[in-house]
Amino acid sequence: MDEITKMSGPVPKDFDAENADNLEDIEKQFAVKAVQHLETYWAILQKVKGSSLRLTKMDDEIYDHFKSEFPEFDPAAPINEDEMKSKAGKERWRKFMMAYEKKIDDYNFGTMLRISPNVEYEQDTTIFVPRMQFYAIEIARNKAGLNDWIYEKAHANDKA
């Protein structure tokens, strides 16, 4: 189980998102889970440099697969949400994500993702994506050292 899931807890195994009632309380519970996940991830990035962080046991496999399926992806560039969520974008991402259906817990659970590695989580800098998109993009950002500034900012006043 990955560090973030350990802290926020997994989605119940018997939960069926396709057939769930769209009740306000359920929506609130999912929103709370998504916020807990982003807060946990941010707290981890403040304690550990992203470049030395592993989000899953499969980071290297996910990264290599992501690079092969999305060779044009620049982890330093802001995400184009319209392109990602277009019909063609959804098809590409779905194909990528389905490879992890049996390998990653909650691979399709809604998760908050910063549109750029240079910003904090804010209402206008965050999009809602399936967890595998989060993992693929954040693993690429971490491997490129693009999230290390979060640790450095958090420790700016520490004595050497």
N, C-alpha and C. Protein backbone atom coordinates (compact mmCIF):
# COMPACT_ATOMS: atom_id res chain seq x y z
N MET A 1 0.86 -1.18 0.00
CA MET A 1 0.00 0.00 0.00
C MET A 1 0.90 1.24 0.00
N ASP A 2 0.60 2.22 -0.81
CA ASP A 2 1.44 3.40 -0.89
C ASP A 2 1.26 4.29 0.34
N GLU A 3 2.22 5.20 0.56
CA GLU A 3 2.21 6.07 1.73
C GLU A 3 0.93 6.91 1.83
N ILE A 4 0.47 7.44 0.72
CA ILE A 4 -0.69 8.31 0.75
C ILE A 4 -1.93 7.51 1.14
N THR A 5 -2.10 6.32 0.60
CA THR A 5 -3.26 5.50 0.94
C THR A 5 -3.19 5.08 2.41
N LYS A 6 -1.98 4.82 2.93
CA LYS A 6 -1.86 4.46 4.35
C LYS A 6 -2.43 5.57 5.22
N MET A 7 -2.18 6.82 4.83
CA MET A 7 -2.60 7.94 5.65
C MET A 7 -4.06 8.31 5.43
N SER A 8 -4.58 8.17 4.22
CA SER A 8 -5.94 8.59 3.96
C SER A 8 -6.92 7.42 3.94
N GLY A 9 -6.43 6.20 3.83
CA GLY A 9 -7.28 5.03 3.84
C GLY A 9 -7.84 4.70 2.47
N PRO A 10 -8.02 3.40 2.19
CA PRO A 10 -8.53 2.99 0.89
C PRO A 10 -10.04 3.15 0.78
N VAL A 11 -10.52 3.16 -0.44
CA VAL A 11 -11.95 3.17 -0.70
C VAL A 11 -12.46 1.77 -0.36
N PRO A 12 -13.62 1.66 0.27
CA PRO A 12 -14.15 0.33 0.59
C PRO A 12 -14.21 -0.57 -0.65
N LYS A 13 -13.81 -1.82 -0.48
CA LYS A 13 -13.73 -2.77 -1.61
C LYS A 13 -15.09 -3.01 -2.25
N ASP A 14 -16.16 -2.91 -1.48
CA ASP A 14 -17.49 -3.19 -2.03
C ASP A 14 -18.16 -1.95 -2.61
N PHE A 15 -17.44 -0.83 -2.68
CA PHE A 15 -18.03 0.40 -3.24
C PHE A 15 -18.05 0.31 -4.76
N ASP A 16 -19.20 0.56 -5.35
CA ASP A 16 -19.37 0.52 -6.81
C ASP A 16 -19.74 1.93 -7.29
N ALA A 17 -18.74 2.66 -7.77
CA ALA A 17 -18.96 4.05 -8.18
C ALA A 17 -19.95 4.15 -9.34
N GLU A 18 -19.97 3.15 -10.19
CA GLU A 18 -20.86 3.18 -11.35
C GLU A 18 -22.33 3.14 -10.95
N ASN A 19 -22.63 2.47 -9.84
CA ASN A 19 -24.02 2.29 -9.44
C ASN A 19 -24.37 2.98 -8.13
N ALA A 20 -23.49 3.82 -7.63
CA ALA A 20 -23.75 4.51 -6.37
C ALA A 20 -24.79 5.61 -6.57
N ASP A 21 -25.59 5.80 -5.54
CA ASP A 21 -26.51 6.94 -5.57
C ASP A 21 -25.67 8.21 -5.51
N ASN A 22 -26.08 9.20 -6.27
CA ASN A 22 -25.34 10.45 -6.30
C ASN A 22 -25.86 11.38 -5.20
N LEU A 23 -25.68 10.96 -3.99
CA LEU A 23 -26.17 11.70 -2.86
C LEU A 23 -25.15 12.74 -2.42
N GLU A 24 -25.66 13.82 -1.89
CA GLU A 24 -24.79 14.91 -1.46
C GLU A 24 -23.77 14.44 -0.43
N ASP A 25 -24.18 13.57 0.50
CA ASP A 25 -23.25 13.08 1.52
C ASP A 25 -22.12 12.26 0.90
N ILE A 26 -22.43 11.46 -0.10
CA ILE A 26 -21.39 10.68 -0.77
C ILE A 26 -20.42 11.61 -1.48
N GLU A 27 -20.95 12.62 -2.17
CA GLU A 27 -20.09 13.58 -2.84
C GLU A 27 -19.18 14.29 -1.84
N LYS A 28 -19.73 14.64 -0.70
CA LYS A 28 -18.91 15.30 0.33
C LYS A 28 -17.82 14.37 0.83
N GLN A 29 -18.15 13.08 0.99
CA GLN A 29 -17.15 12.11 1.46
C GLN A 29 -16.01 11.99 0.45
N PHE A 30 -16.35 11.96 -0.84
CA PHE A 30 -15.31 11.89 -1.86
C PHE A 30 -14.46 13.16 -1.87
N ALA A 31 -15.10 14.31 -1.69
CA ALA A 31 -14.37 15.57 -1.64
C ALA A 31 -13.42 15.58 -0.45
N VAL A 32 -13.89 15.08 0.69
CA VAL A 32 -13.04 15.02 1.88
C VAL A 32 -11.84 14.11 1.61
N LYS A 33 -12.06 12.95 1.00
CA LYS A 33 -10.96 12.03 0.68
C LYS A 33 -9.95 12.69 -0.26
N ALA A 34 -10.44 13.41 -1.27
CA ALA A 34 -9.54 14.07 -2.21
C ALA A 34 -8.72 15.14 -1.51
N VAL A 35 -9.33 15.90 -0.62
CA VAL A 35 -8.61 16.94 0.11
C VAL A 35 -7.60 16.30 1.08
N GLN A 36 -7.99 15.23 1.75
CA GLN A 36 -7.05 14.54 2.64
C GLN A 36 -5.84 14.05 1.86
N HIS A 37 -6.08 13.53 0.67
CA HIS A 37 -4.99 13.03 -0.17
C HIS A 37 -4.04 14.16 -0.53
N LEU A 38 -4.57 15.30 -0.98
CA LEU A 38 -3.68 16.39 -1.39
C LEU A 38 -2.93 16.95 -0.19
N GLU A 39 -3.60 17.06 0.96
CA GLU A 39 -2.92 17.55 2.16
C GLU A 39 -1.80 16.61 2.59
N THR A 40 -2.06 15.32 2.50
CA THR A 40 -1.05 14.32 2.86
C THR A 40 0.14 14.39 1.91
N TYR A 41 -0.15 14.46 0.62
CA TYR A 41 0.93 14.53 -0.36
C TYR A 41 1.77 15.79 -0.15
N TRP A 42 1.11 16.92 0.07
CA TRP A 42 1.84 18.18 0.28
C TRP A 42 2.71 18.08 1.53
N ALA A 43 2.18 17.50 2.60
CA ALA A 43 2.95 17.34 3.84
C ALA A 43 4.17 16.45 3.62
N ILE A 44 4.00 15.40 2.83
CA ILE A 44 5.14 14.52 2.52
C ILE A 44 6.19 15.28 1.72
N LEU A 45 5.76 16.07 0.71
CA LEU A 45 6.71 16.85 -0.09
C LEU A 45 7.44 17.91 0.75
N GLN A 46 6.84 18.34 1.83
CA GLN A 46 7.51 19.29 2.71
C GLN A 46 8.56 18.59 3.58
N LYS A 47 8.41 17.30 3.77
CA LYS A 47 9.34 16.54 4.62
C LYS A 47 10.41 15.79 3.83
N VAL A 48 10.11 15.45 2.57
CA VAL A 48 11.02 14.66 1.75
C VAL A 48 11.10 15.30 0.37
N LYS A 49 12.31 15.45 -0.16
CA LYS A 49 12.45 15.98 -1.52
C LYS A 49 11.72 15.05 -2.48
N GLY A 50 10.94 15.62 -3.37
CA GLY A 50 10.21 14.82 -4.35
C GLY A 50 11.13 13.92 -5.16
N SER A 51 12.35 14.39 -5.44
CA SER A 51 13.28 13.61 -6.25
C SER A 51 13.74 12.33 -5.55
N SER A 52 13.52 12.21 -4.25
CA SER A 52 13.89 10.98 -3.55
C SER A 52 12.66 10.22 -3.03
N LEU A 53 11.49 10.64 -3.45
CA LEU A 53 10.23 10.06 -2.98
C LEU A 53 9.71 9.01 -3.94
N ARG A 54 9.21 7.92 -3.38
CA ARG A 54 8.50 6.91 -4.16
C ARG A 54 7.03 6.96 -3.76
N LEU A 55 6.15 7.13 -4.73
CA LEU A 55 4.72 7.18 -4.45
C LEU A 55 4.09 5.80 -4.38
N THR A 56 4.66 4.85 -5.14
CA THR A 56 4.16 3.48 -5.16
C THR A 56 5.36 2.54 -5.25
N LYS A 57 5.09 1.25 -5.12
CA LYS A 57 6.15 0.25 -5.33
C LYS A 57 6.48 0.12 -6.81
N MET A 58 5.62 0.68 -7.66
CA MET A 58 5.76 0.52 -9.11
C MET A 58 6.19 1.81 -9.82
N ASP A 59 6.77 2.76 -9.10
CA ASP A 59 7.10 4.06 -9.69
C ASP A 59 7.88 3.94 -11.00
N ASP A 60 8.91 3.11 -11.00
CA ASP A 60 9.74 3.00 -12.21
C ASP A 60 8.96 2.44 -13.39
N GLU A 61 8.15 1.42 -13.13
CA GLU A 61 7.32 0.84 -14.19
C GLU A 61 6.30 1.87 -14.71
N ILE A 62 5.66 2.57 -13.79
CA ILE A 62 4.68 3.59 -14.18
C ILE A 62 5.36 4.68 -15.00
N TYR A 63 6.52 5.13 -14.55
CA TYR A 63 7.26 6.18 -15.24
C TYR A 63 7.65 5.75 -16.67
N ASP A 64 8.20 4.55 -16.79
CA ASP A 64 8.61 4.07 -18.12
C ASP A 64 7.41 3.91 -19.05
N HIS A 65 6.32 3.37 -18.52
CA HIS A 65 5.10 3.21 -19.31
C HIS A 65 4.55 4.58 -19.72
N PHE A 66 4.54 5.52 -18.78
CA PHE A 66 4.05 6.87 -19.06
C PHE A 66 4.88 7.53 -20.16
N LYS A 67 6.20 7.41 -20.06
CA LYS A 67 7.07 8.00 -21.08
C LYS A 67 6.84 7.36 -22.45
N SER A 68 6.57 6.06 -22.49
CA SER A 68 6.36 5.40 -23.77
C SER A 68 5.00 5.75 -24.37
N GLU A 69 3.97 5.92 -23.53
CA GLU A 69 2.62 6.26 -24.02
C GLU A 69 2.43 7.75 -24.27
N PHE A 70 3.17 8.58 -23.56
CA PHE A 70 3.05 10.04 -23.67
C PHE A 70 4.43 10.67 -23.85
N PRO A 71 5.12 10.32 -24.95
CA PRO A 71 6.50 10.82 -25.13
C PRO A 71 6.59 12.34 -25.22
N GLU A 72 5.51 12.98 -25.59
CA GLU A 72 5.49 14.43 -25.73
C GLU A 72 5.30 15.16 -24.39
N PHE A 73 4.99 14.42 -23.33
CA PHE A 73 4.69 15.06 -22.05
C PHE A 73 5.93 15.72 -21.46
N ASP A 74 5.80 16.99 -21.11
CA ASP A 74 6.85 17.76 -20.44
C ASP A 74 6.41 17.99 -19.01
N PRO A 75 7.06 17.34 -18.03
CA PRO A 75 6.60 17.47 -16.65
C PRO A 75 6.72 18.90 -16.10
N ALA A 76 7.54 19.74 -16.72
CA ALA A 76 7.70 21.12 -16.26
C ALA A 76 6.62 22.04 -16.80
N ALA A 77 5.94 21.62 -17.85
CA ALA A 77 4.94 22.47 -18.50
C ALA A 77 3.59 22.37 -17.77
N PRO A 78 2.83 23.45 -17.79
CA PRO A 78 1.47 23.37 -17.21
C PRO A 78 0.62 22.37 -18.01
N ILE A 79 -0.27 21.72 -17.30
CA ILE A 79 -1.15 20.73 -17.93
C ILE A 79 -2.27 21.45 -18.68
N ASN A 80 -2.52 20.97 -19.89
CA ASN A 80 -3.63 21.48 -20.68
C ASN A 80 -4.83 20.58 -20.38
N GLU A 81 -5.69 21.05 -19.48
CA GLU A 81 -6.83 20.23 -19.04
C GLU A 81 -7.77 19.91 -20.19
N ASP A 82 -7.99 20.87 -21.09
CA ASP A 82 -8.88 20.63 -22.22
C ASP A 82 -8.36 19.50 -23.10
N GLU A 83 -7.06 19.48 -23.33
CA GLU A 83 -6.46 18.42 -24.14
C GLU A 83 -6.54 17.08 -23.41
N MET A 84 -6.24 17.10 -22.12
CA MET A 84 -6.26 15.88 -21.32
C MET A 84 -7.66 15.27 -21.28
N LYS A 85 -8.68 16.13 -21.22
CA LYS A 85 -10.05 15.65 -21.05
C LYS A 85 -10.85 15.64 -22.35
N SER A 86 -10.16 15.88 -23.46
CA SER A 86 -10.82 15.76 -24.76
C SER A 86 -11.12 14.29 -25.03
N LYS A 87 -11.90 14.01 -26.05
CA LYS A 87 -12.23 12.61 -26.37
C LYS A 87 -10.96 11.80 -26.63
N ALA A 88 -10.05 12.33 -27.43
CA ALA A 88 -8.80 11.62 -27.74
C ALA A 88 -7.94 11.49 -26.48
N GLY A 89 -7.89 12.55 -25.68
CA GLY A 89 -7.10 12.52 -24.45
C GLY A 89 -7.63 11.48 -23.48
N LYS A 90 -8.94 11.44 -23.33
CA LYS A 90 -9.56 10.46 -22.43
C LYS A 90 -9.25 9.03 -22.89
N GLU A 91 -9.30 8.81 -24.20
CA GLU A 91 -9.03 7.46 -24.72
C GLU A 91 -7.59 7.05 -24.43
N ARG A 92 -6.64 7.97 -24.66
CA ARG A 92 -5.23 7.67 -24.39
C ARG A 92 -5.02 7.37 -22.91
N TRP A 93 -5.59 8.21 -22.05
CA TRP A 93 -5.40 8.03 -20.62
C TRP A 93 -6.09 6.76 -20.13
N ARG A 94 -7.27 6.48 -20.66
CA ARG A 94 -7.97 5.26 -20.22
C ARG A 94 -7.15 4.02 -20.55
N LYS A 95 -6.59 3.98 -21.74
CA LYS A 95 -5.74 2.85 -22.14
C LYS A 95 -4.56 2.73 -21.17
N PHE A 96 -3.93 3.84 -20.86
CA PHE A 96 -2.80 3.85 -19.93
C PHE A 96 -3.24 3.35 -18.55
N MET A 97 -4.33 3.91 -18.05
CA MET A 97 -4.77 3.61 -16.69
C MET A 97 -5.22 2.16 -16.51
N MET A 98 -5.85 1.60 -17.52
CA MET A 98 -6.39 0.25 -17.39
C MET A 98 -5.30 -0.80 -17.15
N ALA A 99 -4.07 -0.49 -17.51
CA ALA A 99 -2.96 -1.41 -17.25
C ALA A 99 -2.73 -1.59 -15.75
N TYR A 100 -3.28 -0.68 -14.93
CA TYR A 100 -3.06 -0.71 -13.49
C TYR A 100 -4.31 -1.09 -12.69
N GLU A 101 -5.36 -1.48 -13.41
CA GLU A 101 -6.62 -1.80 -12.75
C GLU A 101 -6.45 -2.83 -11.64
N LYS A 102 -5.64 -3.85 -11.85
CA LYS A 102 -5.45 -4.91 -10.86
C LYS A 102 -4.16 -4.74 -10.07
N LYS A 103 -3.40 -3.68 -10.37
CA LYS A 103 -2.09 -3.51 -9.75
C LYS A 103 -2.02 -2.39 -8.72
N ILE A 104 -2.83 -1.35 -8.90
CA ILE A 104 -2.78 -0.18 -8.02
C ILE A 104 -4.15 0.01 -7.37
N ASP A 105 -4.18 0.00 -6.04
CA ASP A 105 -5.43 0.25 -5.32
C ASP A 105 -5.98 1.62 -5.70
N ASP A 106 -7.26 1.69 -5.91
CA ASP A 106 -7.94 2.96 -6.17
C ASP A 106 -7.34 3.70 -7.36
N TYR A 107 -6.91 2.95 -8.39
CA TYR A 107 -6.26 3.53 -9.56
C TYR A 107 -7.10 4.60 -10.25
N ASN A 108 -8.42 4.51 -10.11
CA ASN A 108 -9.29 5.47 -10.79
C ASN A 108 -10.04 6.38 -9.81
N PHE A 109 -9.62 6.40 -8.56
CA PHE A 109 -10.26 7.26 -7.56
C PHE A 109 -9.91 8.71 -7.84
N GLY A 110 -10.88 9.59 -7.73
CA GLY A 110 -10.67 11.01 -7.99
C GLY A 110 -9.64 11.62 -7.06
N THR A 111 -8.72 12.36 -7.65
CA THR A 111 -7.57 12.92 -6.92
C THR A 111 -7.30 14.32 -7.45
N MET A 112 -6.82 15.19 -6.58
CA MET A 112 -6.48 16.56 -6.98
C MET A 112 -5.05 16.60 -7.50
N LEU A 113 -4.87 17.31 -8.61
CA LEU A 113 -3.56 17.45 -9.25
C LEU A 113 -3.29 18.91 -9.54
N ARG A 114 -2.11 19.38 -9.20
CA ARG A 114 -1.72 20.76 -9.54
C ARG A 114 -1.47 20.83 -11.05
N ILE A 115 -1.93 21.90 -11.68
CA ILE A 115 -1.76 22.02 -13.13
C ILE A 115 -0.31 22.29 -13.51
N SER A 116 0.49 22.73 -12.56
CA SER A 116 1.90 23.03 -12.80
C SER A 116 2.70 22.61 -11.57
N PRO A 117 3.93 22.13 -11.78
CA PRO A 117 4.74 21.77 -10.62
C PRO A 117 5.25 23.00 -9.86
N ASN A 118 5.05 24.19 -10.42
CA ASN A 118 5.57 25.42 -9.82
C ASN A 118 4.59 26.11 -8.88
N VAL A 119 3.43 25.51 -8.65
CA VAL A 119 2.40 26.16 -7.84
C VAL A 119 1.96 25.26 -6.70
N GLU A 120 1.35 25.90 -5.69
CA GLU A 120 0.76 25.16 -4.58
C GLU A 120 -0.67 24.78 -4.97
N TYR A 121 -1.29 23.95 -4.13
CA TYR A 121 -2.68 23.59 -4.34
C TYR A 121 -3.55 24.80 -4.02
N GLU A 122 -4.24 25.32 -5.01
CA GLU A 122 -5.18 26.42 -4.86
C GLU A 122 -6.38 26.10 -5.76
N GLN A 123 -7.47 26.80 -5.57
CA GLN A 123 -8.68 26.52 -6.36
C GLN A 123 -8.43 26.65 -7.86
N ASP A 124 -7.67 27.66 -8.27
CA ASP A 124 -7.46 27.89 -9.70
C ASP A 124 -6.19 27.23 -10.25
N THR A 125 -5.50 26.45 -9.43
CA THR A 125 -4.29 25.77 -9.90
C THR A 125 -4.40 24.25 -9.78
N THR A 126 -5.62 23.78 -9.55
CA THR A 126 -5.82 22.37 -9.26
C THR A 126 -6.94 21.80 -10.13
N ILE A 127 -6.73 20.58 -10.63
CA ILE A 127 -7.77 19.89 -11.39
C ILE A 127 -8.05 18.54 -10.75
N PHE A 128 -9.19 17.97 -11.07
CA PHE A 128 -9.63 16.69 -10.54
C PHE A 128 -9.34 15.62 -11.58
N VAL A 129 -8.56 14.61 -11.23
CA VAL A 129 -8.16 13.56 -12.16
C VAL A 129 -8.22 12.20 -11.48
N PRO A 130 -8.24 11.11 -12.25
CA PRO A 130 -8.11 9.78 -11.65
C PRO A 130 -6.71 9.61 -11.04
N ARG A 131 -6.63 8.80 -10.01
CA ARG A 131 -5.37 8.62 -9.28
C ARG A 131 -4.20 8.23 -10.18
N MET A 132 -4.42 7.40 -11.20
CA MET A 132 -3.29 7.00 -12.06
C MET A 132 -2.73 8.18 -12.84
N GLN A 133 -3.56 9.14 -13.21
CA GLN A 133 -3.03 10.35 -13.85
C GLN A 133 -2.17 11.11 -12.86
N PHE A 134 -2.65 11.23 -11.63
CA PHE A 134 -1.87 11.87 -10.58
C PHE A 134 -0.52 11.18 -10.42
N TYR A 135 -0.55 9.84 -10.26
CA TYR A 135 0.70 9.11 -10.08
C TYR A 135 1.65 9.32 -11.26
N ALA A 136 1.18 9.13 -12.47
CA ALA A 136 2.05 9.26 -13.65
C ALA A 136 2.69 10.64 -13.70
N ILE A 137 1.90 11.66 -13.54
CA ILE A 137 2.40 13.04 -13.66
C ILE A 137 3.29 13.41 -12.50
N GLU A 138 2.88 13.08 -11.28
CA GLU A 138 3.70 13.43 -10.12
C GLU A 138 4.99 12.61 -10.05
N ILE A 139 4.97 11.36 -10.48
CA ILE A 139 6.20 10.58 -10.54
C ILE A 139 7.16 11.23 -11.53
N ALA A 140 6.65 11.65 -12.69
CA ALA A 140 7.51 12.33 -13.68
C ALA A 140 8.06 13.64 -13.12
N ARG A 141 7.23 14.40 -12.45
CA ARG A 141 7.69 15.66 -11.84
C ARG A 141 8.75 15.39 -10.78
N ASN A 142 8.51 14.39 -9.94
CA ASN A 142 9.47 14.07 -8.88
C ASN A 142 10.80 13.61 -9.45
N LYS A 143 10.76 12.75 -10.45
CA LYS A 143 12.01 12.26 -11.06
C LYS A 143 12.80 13.39 -11.70
N ALA A 144 12.11 14.42 -12.16
CA ALA A 144 12.77 15.58 -12.77
C ALA A 144 13.19 16.61 -11.71
N GLY A 145 12.90 16.34 -10.45
CA GLY A 145 13.26 17.27 -9.38
C GLY A 145 12.39 18.51 -9.31
N LEU A 146 11.25 18.49 -9.98
CA LEU A 146 10.41 19.68 -10.09
C LEU A 146 9.60 19.99 -8.84
N ASN A 147 9.53 19.04 -7.92
CA ASN A 147 8.81 19.29 -6.67
C ASN A 147 9.75 19.54 -5.49
N ASP A 148 11.05 19.53 -5.74
CA ASP A 148 12.01 19.73 -4.65
C ASP A 148 11.89 21.10 -4.01
N TRP A 149 11.39 22.09 -4.75
CA TRP A 149 11.24 23.44 -4.21
C TRP A 149 10.30 23.47 -2.99
N ILE A 150 9.39 22.53 -2.92
CA ILE A 150 8.43 22.49 -1.80
C ILE A 150 9.19 22.16 -0.51
N TYR A 151 10.06 21.17 -0.58
CA TYR A 151 10.90 20.81 0.57
C TYR A 151 11.82 21.97 0.93
N GLU A 152 12.44 22.53 -0.09
CA GLU A 152 13.40 23.63 0.14
C GLU A 152 12.70 24.84 0.77
N LYS A 153 11.50 25.15 0.32
CA LYS A 153 10.74 26.26 0.90
C LYS A 153 10.38 25.96 2.36
N ALA A 154 9.96 24.74 2.62
CA ALA A 154 9.58 24.35 3.98
C ALA A 154 10.77 24.38 4.94
N HIS A 155 11.98 24.20 4.41
CA HIS A 155 13.19 24.13 5.25
C HIS A 155 14.11 25.33 5.05
N ALA A 156 13.59 26.39 4.48
CA ALA A 156 14.40 27.59 4.18
C ALA A 156 15.03 28.19 5.43
N ASN A 157 14.37 28.10 6.55
CA ASN A 157 14.89 28.70 7.77
C ASN A 157 15.64 27.73 8.68
N ASP A 158 15.80 26.47 8.22
CA ASP A 158 16.54 25.49 9.01
C ASP A 158 18.02 25.87 9.04
N LYS A 159 18.67 25.56 10.13
CA LYS A 159 20.12 25.82 10.22
C LYS A 159 20.88 24.67 9.59
N ALA A 160 21.89 25.00 8.85
CA ALA A 160 22.70 23.97 8.17
C ALA A 160 23.55 23.20 9.14
